[in-house]
Amino acid sequence: MKINTLVAAIGTCSVLVCSQSLAQDSGIPRTEWGVPDFQGYWRNNTVMPFQRAQELGNQQAFTVEEARRLERAAQQAVEQDNEPLDPNRPAPELEALPPVGNYDLFWTDRGMFLPTIDGEYRTSAIIDPPNGRIPERVEGFTPFFTSNNDGPEGRSLGERCLLSFGNSSGPVMSPVMYNSHFQINQAPGYVVITVEMIHDARIIPITNDRDEMKSAIQQKWMGDSIGRWEGDTLIVETKNYNPAMSYMGASTENLTVIETFRFEGPDKLIYGFTVDDPSVYSAQWSGEMPITRMDEPVFEYACHEGNYGIIGILAGARRIEVMDELGIERAIEQ
């Protein structure tokens, strides 16, 4: 389904949302100016895979029994990681050591439950194409990779504490291994989504005229987002990303993302997305994720406190350069 067709169809029904599913008298919370009140603290971590396992084919939903097994497996993995270590255990084999910089259990907050979407335990966030998988890249696609050791600006946006890693800030807003939390604030004409990971805040003006709300800074890290209401569904269109921003390992130069937010009960939102970039993907692709309300607030993510990683990376790179210049053999191959 083309994006313009998708947006035009929102008033009736689309692959992502049927805006008539929650009528004006449905009892959902509303702001003083009459639109659905999304304000509060939310989380989107879930055991639902982003892409569907290939062996499931076009199976869109798990049975209740399959969903419970998936949840229990995730919970058992955390319980196993939480078991105390035997102080008399032998040294691990080199191949069994975790990668340098691996997080221990204390820092993680992995999804361990599978909320339903329209009564279904989905097998993947992606629902279009029907196999639940990202379409193939177009012929001639070039991966986007700029990370280097030339200086601080050469490192990734997450390492520089400029943007959350794993694309949790969006669009598309995807859960990561911890801090998959965000806060929504609203005012007449605006919606603001603040993500706990790193500190990202996306300010979304509400208007039917993109030209009317042109920003002084067009190419923002998370793109230039414009929102509008169709019934009780918030539709957000985003384009014009900063050239250093990537998505799924691809340039965002030609990327357009359409997001939808709708209530499925007072404590659950359904977040829909359509990704369109003909320079990267052979077809558009769409999906949905559940978002659940939480009582805990979003805290400051003090990313740069104790952030010695970049210092170490750059110091090591300069040392390697000196060794190469002097013809000193490296003890460890890169």
Protein backbone atom coordinates (compact mmCIF):
# COMPACT_ATOMS: atom_id res chain seq x y z
CA MET A 1 0.00 0.00 0.00
CA LYS A 2 1.45 3.36 -1.00
CA ILE A 3 1.94 5.94 1.75
CA ASN A 4 -0.43 8.48 0.20
CA THR A 5 -3.01 5.71 -0.15
CA LEU A 6 -2.41 4.70 3.46
CA VAL A 7 -2.98 8.20 4.79
CA ALA A 8 -6.05 8.71 2.64
CA ALA A 9 -7.46 5.42 3.90
CA ILE A 10 -7.05 6.20 7.59
CA GLY A 11 -10.58 7.61 7.78
CA THR A 12 -11.94 4.15 6.93
CA CYS A 13 -9.43 1.38 7.48
CA SER A 14 -5.80 0.62 6.59
CA VAL A 15 -3.23 -2.09 7.15
CA LEU A 16 -2.17 -0.29 10.32
CA VAL A 17 -5.22 1.31 11.87
CA CYS A 18 -8.95 1.69 11.69
CA SER A 19 -9.60 5.10 13.15
CA GLN A 20 -13.27 4.40 13.68
CA SER A 21 -12.45 1.59 16.14
CA LEU A 22 -12.52 4.07 19.02
CA ALA A 23 -15.49 6.38 18.64
CA GLN A 24 -15.78 9.78 20.31
CA ASP A 25 -17.91 8.30 23.10
CA SER A 26 -15.58 5.35 23.80
CA GLY A 27 -14.44 6.73 27.15
CA ILE A 28 -10.76 7.11 26.24
CA PRO A 29 -8.99 9.96 28.09
CA ARG A 30 -9.11 13.33 26.35
CA THR A 31 -7.33 16.66 26.67
CA GLU A 32 -9.15 19.88 27.46
CA TRP A 33 -9.12 20.66 23.73
CA GLY A 34 -10.82 17.37 22.86
CA VAL A 35 -8.14 15.10 21.35
CA PRO A 36 -7.04 11.76 22.86
CA ASP A 37 -4.80 12.34 25.86
CA PHE A 38 -1.62 10.30 25.38
CA GLN A 39 0.23 12.11 28.17
CA GLY A 40 2.12 10.03 30.67
CA TYR A 41 4.90 7.47 30.92
CA TRP A 42 5.05 4.51 28.55
CA ARG A 43 7.16 1.47 27.72
CA ASN A 44 7.40 -0.60 24.54
CA ASN A 45 9.72 -3.46 25.54
CA THR A 46 8.24 -6.81 24.53
CA VAL A 47 9.30 -10.33 23.62
CA MET A 48 7.62 -9.89 20.24
CA PRO A 49 10.30 -10.08 17.52
CA PHE A 50 10.61 -7.13 15.15
CA GLN A 51 10.88 -9.51 12.19
CA ARG A 52 9.09 -12.84 12.04
CA ALA A 53 10.99 -16.11 12.16
CA GLN A 54 11.19 -17.43 8.61
CA GLU A 55 9.79 -20.83 9.56
CA LEU A 56 6.50 -19.18 10.62
CA GLY A 57 5.79 -17.95 7.09
CA ASN A 58 2.60 -15.88 6.99
CA GLN A 59 1.48 -16.85 10.50
CA GLN A 60 0.59 -13.46 12.01
CA ALA A 61 -0.37 -14.58 15.53
CA PHE A 62 0.75 -17.07 18.17
CA THR A 63 -1.70 -19.28 19.99
CA VAL A 64 -2.10 -18.56 23.70
CA GLU A 65 0.07 -21.59 24.50
CA GLU A 66 2.81 -20.46 22.09
CA ALA A 67 2.76 -16.95 23.55
CA ARG A 68 3.11 -18.28 27.09
CA ARG A 69 6.05 -20.48 26.09
CA LEU A 70 7.76 -17.47 24.50
CA GLU A 71 7.26 -15.38 27.63
CA ARG A 72 8.45 -18.17 29.91
CA ALA A 73 11.59 -18.73 27.84
CA ALA A 74 12.45 -15.04 28.15
CA GLN A 75 11.83 -15.09 31.90
CA GLN A 76 13.91 -18.25 32.38
CA ALA A 77 16.81 -16.67 30.48
CA VAL A 78 16.82 -13.77 32.95
CA GLU A 79 16.48 -16.13 35.92
CA GLN A 80 19.44 -18.15 34.64
CA ASP A 81 21.56 -15.03 34.19
CA ASN A 82 20.63 -14.02 37.74
CA GLU A 83 21.93 -17.22 39.33
CA PRO A 84 24.99 -16.68 41.57
CA LEU A 85 28.29 -17.82 40.10
CA ASP A 86 30.28 -20.66 41.61
CA PRO A 87 33.52 -19.15 42.98
CA ASN A 88 35.27 -22.50 42.43
CA ARG A 89 34.29 -22.81 38.79
CA PRO A 90 37.10 -23.41 36.27
CA ALA A 91 38.22 -20.64 33.96
CA PRO A 92 35.99 -20.38 30.87
CA GLU A 93 37.22 -21.32 27.43
CA LEU A 94 38.34 -18.37 25.32
CA GLU A 95 35.49 -19.00 22.87
CA ALA A 96 32.92 -18.72 25.68
CA LEU A 97 33.95 -15.28 26.87
CA PRO A 98 31.41 -12.49 26.23
CA PRO A 99 32.42 -9.60 23.95
CA VAL A 100 34.29 -6.68 25.50
CA GLY A 101 31.87 -4.09 26.82
CA ASN A 102 29.04 -6.59 27.36
CA TYR A 103 26.37 -5.43 29.83
CA ASP A 104 25.60 -7.55 32.87
CA LEU A 105 22.05 -8.29 34.02
CA PHE A 106 21.89 -5.27 36.35
CA TRP A 107 21.74 -2.87 33.40
CA THR A 108 19.25 -4.71 31.23
CA ASP A 109 15.46 -4.42 31.18
CA ARG A 110 14.46 -6.87 28.51
CA GLY A 111 10.86 -7.43 27.49
CA MET A 112 9.46 -10.58 29.12
CA PHE A 113 5.80 -10.32 28.16
CA LEU A 114 3.79 -10.26 24.94
CA PRO A 115 0.93 -7.74 25.04
CA THR A 116 -1.82 -8.33 22.50
CA ILE A 117 -2.70 -6.14 19.53
CA ASP A 118 -6.39 -6.24 18.64
CA GLY A 119 -6.62 -9.45 20.65
CA GLU A 120 -3.71 -11.19 18.86
CA TYR A 121 -0.34 -12.33 20.18
CA ARG A 122 1.62 -11.16 17.15
CA THR A 123 4.53 -13.21 15.82
CA SER A 124 6.33 -10.04 14.70
CA ALA A 125 6.00 -6.29 14.73
CA ILE A 126 6.09 -6.26 10.92
CA ILE A 127 2.77 -7.29 9.37
CA ASP A 128 3.22 -6.07 5.78
CA PRO A 129 4.59 -7.83 3.77
CA PRO A 130 2.59 -10.82 5.00
CA ASN A 131 5.73 -12.83 5.81
CA GLY A 132 6.56 -10.29 8.53
CA ARG A 133 10.03 -9.55 7.22
CA ILE A 134 11.80 -6.46 5.89
CA PRO A 135 11.80 -6.51 2.05
CA GLU A 136 15.04 -7.06 0.19
CA ARG A 137 17.35 -4.14 -0.49
CA VAL A 138 17.29 -2.73 -4.00
CA GLU A 139 20.01 -3.64 -6.46
CA GLY A 140 23.05 -1.45 -6.04
CA PHE A 141 22.25 -0.54 -2.42
CA THR A 142 25.28 0.78 -0.51
CA PRO A 143 25.35 0.31 3.29
CA PHE A 144 25.65 3.47 5.36
CA PHE A 145 28.74 3.32 7.57
CA THR A 146 30.80 6.33 8.61
CA SER A 147 32.31 5.31 11.95
CA ASN A 148 36.06 5.92 12.11
CA ASN A 149 38.79 6.80 14.60
CA ASP A 150 39.84 10.12 13.05
CA GLY A 151 38.29 12.08 15.92
CA PRO A 152 35.23 12.27 18.18
CA GLU A 153 32.99 13.22 15.24
CA GLY A 154 33.92 9.97 13.52
CA ARG A 155 32.32 7.80 16.19
CA SER A 156 28.68 6.73 16.19
CA LEU A 157 25.90 9.02 17.40
CA GLY A 158 25.22 6.76 20.37
CA GLU A 159 28.87 6.76 21.48
CA ARG A 160 28.83 10.56 21.27
CA CYS A 161 25.66 10.69 23.40
CA LEU A 162 23.82 12.54 20.65
CA LEU A 163 21.13 10.00 19.83
CA SER A 164 19.90 6.76 21.35
CA PHE A 165 21.37 3.59 19.92
CA GLY A 166 19.13 0.90 18.50
CA ASN A 167 16.70 3.49 17.13
CA SER A 168 14.61 3.62 20.32
CA SER A 169 13.99 7.33 19.70
CA GLY A 170 12.65 6.64 16.21
CA PRO A 171 11.22 6.85 13.88
CA VAL A 172 10.64 3.85 13.90
CA MET A 173 10.55 3.75 17.74
CA SER A 174 11.90 0.27 18.54
CA PRO A 175 12.64 -1.25 21.97
CA VAL A 176 16.22 -2.02 22.99
CA MET A 177 17.75 -4.06 25.80
CA TYR A 178 17.12 -1.39 28.45
CA ASN A 179 15.54 2.05 28.93
CA SER A 180 12.74 1.40 26.44
CA HIS A 181 10.75 4.09 28.19
CA PHE A 182 9.40 7.44 27.07
CA GLN A 183 7.15 10.28 28.13
CA ILE A 184 4.47 11.98 26.03
CA ASN A 185 3.42 15.59 26.65
CA GLN A 186 0.75 17.49 24.74
CA ALA A 187 -0.28 21.10 24.26
CA PRO A 188 -2.71 22.63 21.75
CA GLY A 189 -0.95 22.19 18.42
CA TYR A 190 1.95 20.06 19.68
CA VAL A 191 2.90 16.56 20.83
CA VAL A 192 6.32 15.94 22.44
CA ILE A 193 7.85 12.47 22.81
CA THR A 194 10.84 12.32 25.19
CA VAL A 195 12.81 9.06 25.14
CA GLU A 196 14.73 8.02 28.25
CA MET A 197 17.61 6.47 26.31
CA ILE A 198 20.24 9.23 25.87
CA HIS A 199 17.68 12.11 26.22
CA ASP A 200 15.98 12.49 22.82
CA ALA A 201 12.91 14.72 22.56
CA ARG A 202 10.88 14.87 19.36
CA ILE A 203 8.66 17.98 19.09
CA ILE A 204 5.79 17.29 16.68
CA PRO A 205 3.66 20.23 15.52
CA ILE A 206 0.06 19.35 14.66
CA THR A 207 -1.03 20.78 11.32
CA ASN A 208 -2.42 19.72 7.95
CA ASP A 209 0.07 21.98 6.17
CA ARG A 210 3.75 21.00 6.34
CA ASP A 211 4.83 24.25 4.69
CA GLU A 212 3.01 26.19 7.40
CA MET A 213 5.29 24.73 10.10
CA LYS A 214 8.67 24.75 8.34
CA SER A 215 11.41 24.66 10.94
CA ALA A 216 14.52 26.83 10.91
CA ILE A 217 16.45 23.54 11.17
CA GLN A 218 15.04 21.21 8.54
CA GLN A 219 17.48 18.30 8.81
CA LYS A 220 17.05 17.17 12.42
CA TRP A 221 18.59 14.08 13.95
CA MET A 222 15.22 12.31 14.12
CA GLY A 223 13.87 14.02 11.02
CA ASP A 224 11.28 16.75 10.61
CA SER A 225 8.01 15.37 12.01
CA ILE A 226 4.55 16.79 11.29
CA GLY A 227 1.43 15.38 12.95
CA ARG A 228 -2.30 15.54 12.35
CA TRP A 229 -5.41 13.93 13.78
CA GLU A 230 -7.68 11.60 11.85
CA GLY A 231 -10.52 10.85 14.23
CA ASP A 232 -8.87 9.50 17.39
CA THR A 233 -5.66 8.47 15.60
CA LEU A 234 -2.54 10.63 15.61
CA ILE A 235 -0.68 10.39 12.29
CA VAL A 236 2.93 11.58 12.14
CA GLU A 237 4.91 11.96 8.91
CA THR A 238 8.69 12.31 9.17
CA LYS A 239 11.32 13.13 6.54
CA ASN A 240 14.35 15.47 6.12
CA TYR A 241 16.83 13.73 8.42
CA ASN A 242 20.32 14.89 9.36
CA PRO A 243 22.78 13.43 6.80
CA ALA A 244 24.65 11.65 9.62
CA MET A 245 21.48 9.80 10.65
CA SER A 246 21.00 6.23 9.42
CA TYR A 247 18.28 3.63 9.76
CA MET A 248 18.79 -0.12 9.52
CA GLY A 249 22.29 0.51 8.17
CA ALA A 250 21.03 2.73 5.35
CA SER A 251 21.11 6.42 4.53
CA THR A 252 17.97 8.38 5.47
CA GLU A 253 18.27 10.83 2.58
CA ASN A 254 15.13 9.50 0.87
CA LEU A 255 13.39 7.99 3.90
CA THR A 256 9.78 8.78 4.82
CA VAL A 257 8.17 7.21 7.88
CA ILE A 258 4.47 7.37 8.69
CA GLU A 259 3.60 6.62 12.32
CA THR A 260 0.19 6.16 13.93
CA PHE A 261 -0.76 6.27 17.61
CA ARG A 262 -4.14 5.04 18.84
CA PHE A 263 -5.65 3.84 22.09
CA GLU A 264 -6.59 0.23 22.67
CA GLY A 265 -7.79 0.83 26.19
CA PRO A 266 -6.79 3.58 28.65
CA ASP A 267 -3.42 1.98 29.46
CA LYS A 268 -2.36 0.68 26.05
CA LEU A 269 -1.44 2.40 22.80
CA ILE A 270 -0.99 0.71 19.44
CA TYR A 271 1.96 2.22 17.59
CA GLY A 272 1.90 1.72 13.83
CA PHE A 273 4.58 2.51 11.27
CA THR A 274 5.14 2.44 7.53
CA VAL A 275 8.68 2.74 6.12
CA ASP A 276 9.12 4.04 2.58
CA ASP A 277 12.47 4.47 0.86
CA PRO A 278 12.61 3.35 -2.78
CA SER A 279 16.38 3.94 -2.83
CA VAL A 280 16.87 1.27 -0.14
CA TYR A 281 13.96 -1.19 -0.07
CA SER A 282 12.27 -3.06 -2.89
CA ALA A 283 8.87 -2.30 -1.32
CA GLN A 284 7.29 -0.37 1.53
CA TRP A 285 6.87 -2.23 4.81
CA SER A 286 4.62 -1.71 7.81
CA GLY A 287 4.03 -2.94 11.32
CA GLU A 288 2.56 -2.37 14.76
CA MET A 289 3.85 -2.55 18.33
CA PRO A 290 2.04 -2.41 21.68
CA ILE A 291 2.89 0.41 24.10
CA THR A 292 1.83 0.04 27.74
CA ARG A 293 1.45 2.68 30.42
CA MET A 294 3.77 2.60 33.44
CA ASP A 295 3.81 4.39 36.79
CA GLU A 296 7.55 5.01 36.99
CA PRO A 297 8.81 8.35 35.64
CA VAL A 298 11.46 8.81 32.95
CA PHE A 299 14.82 9.63 34.50
CA GLU A 300 17.83 11.56 33.27
CA TYR A 301 20.19 9.44 31.20
CA ALA A 302 23.55 10.91 32.19
CA CYS A 303 25.33 9.49 29.17
CA HIS A 304 28.62 11.37 29.42
CA GLU A 305 29.24 10.66 33.12
CA GLY A 306 32.15 8.22 33.16
CA ASN A 307 32.03 7.96 29.38
CA TYR A 308 35.69 7.09 28.82
CA GLY A 309 35.02 4.80 25.88
CA ILE A 310 35.69 7.41 23.21
CA ILE A 311 38.86 8.56 24.97
CA GLY A 312 40.12 4.97 25.01
CA ILE A 313 39.16 4.31 21.39
CA LEU A 314 40.88 7.43 20.09
CA ALA A 315 43.95 7.00 22.31
CA GLY A 316 44.30 3.43 21.07
CA ALA A 317 43.94 4.55 17.45
CA ARG A 318 46.67 7.17 17.89
CA ARG A 319 48.94 4.56 19.48
CA ILE A 320 48.39 2.18 16.54
CA GLU A 321 49.26 4.99 14.12
CA VAL A 322 52.54 5.64 15.95
CA MET A 323 53.35 1.92 15.94
CA ASP A 324 52.68 1.71 12.22
CA GLU A 325 54.86 4.74 11.54
CA LEU A 326 57.72 3.19 13.57
CA GLY A 327 57.25 -0.22 12.02
CA ILE A 328 56.42 -1.83 15.39
CA GLU A 329 54.56 -5.13 15.02
CA ARG A 330 51.15 -5.14 16.66
CA ALA A 331 50.64 -7.70 19.40
CA ILE A 332 46.95 -8.09 18.55
CA GLU A 333 45.59 -8.14 15.03
CA GLN A 334 42.75 -5.71 14.35
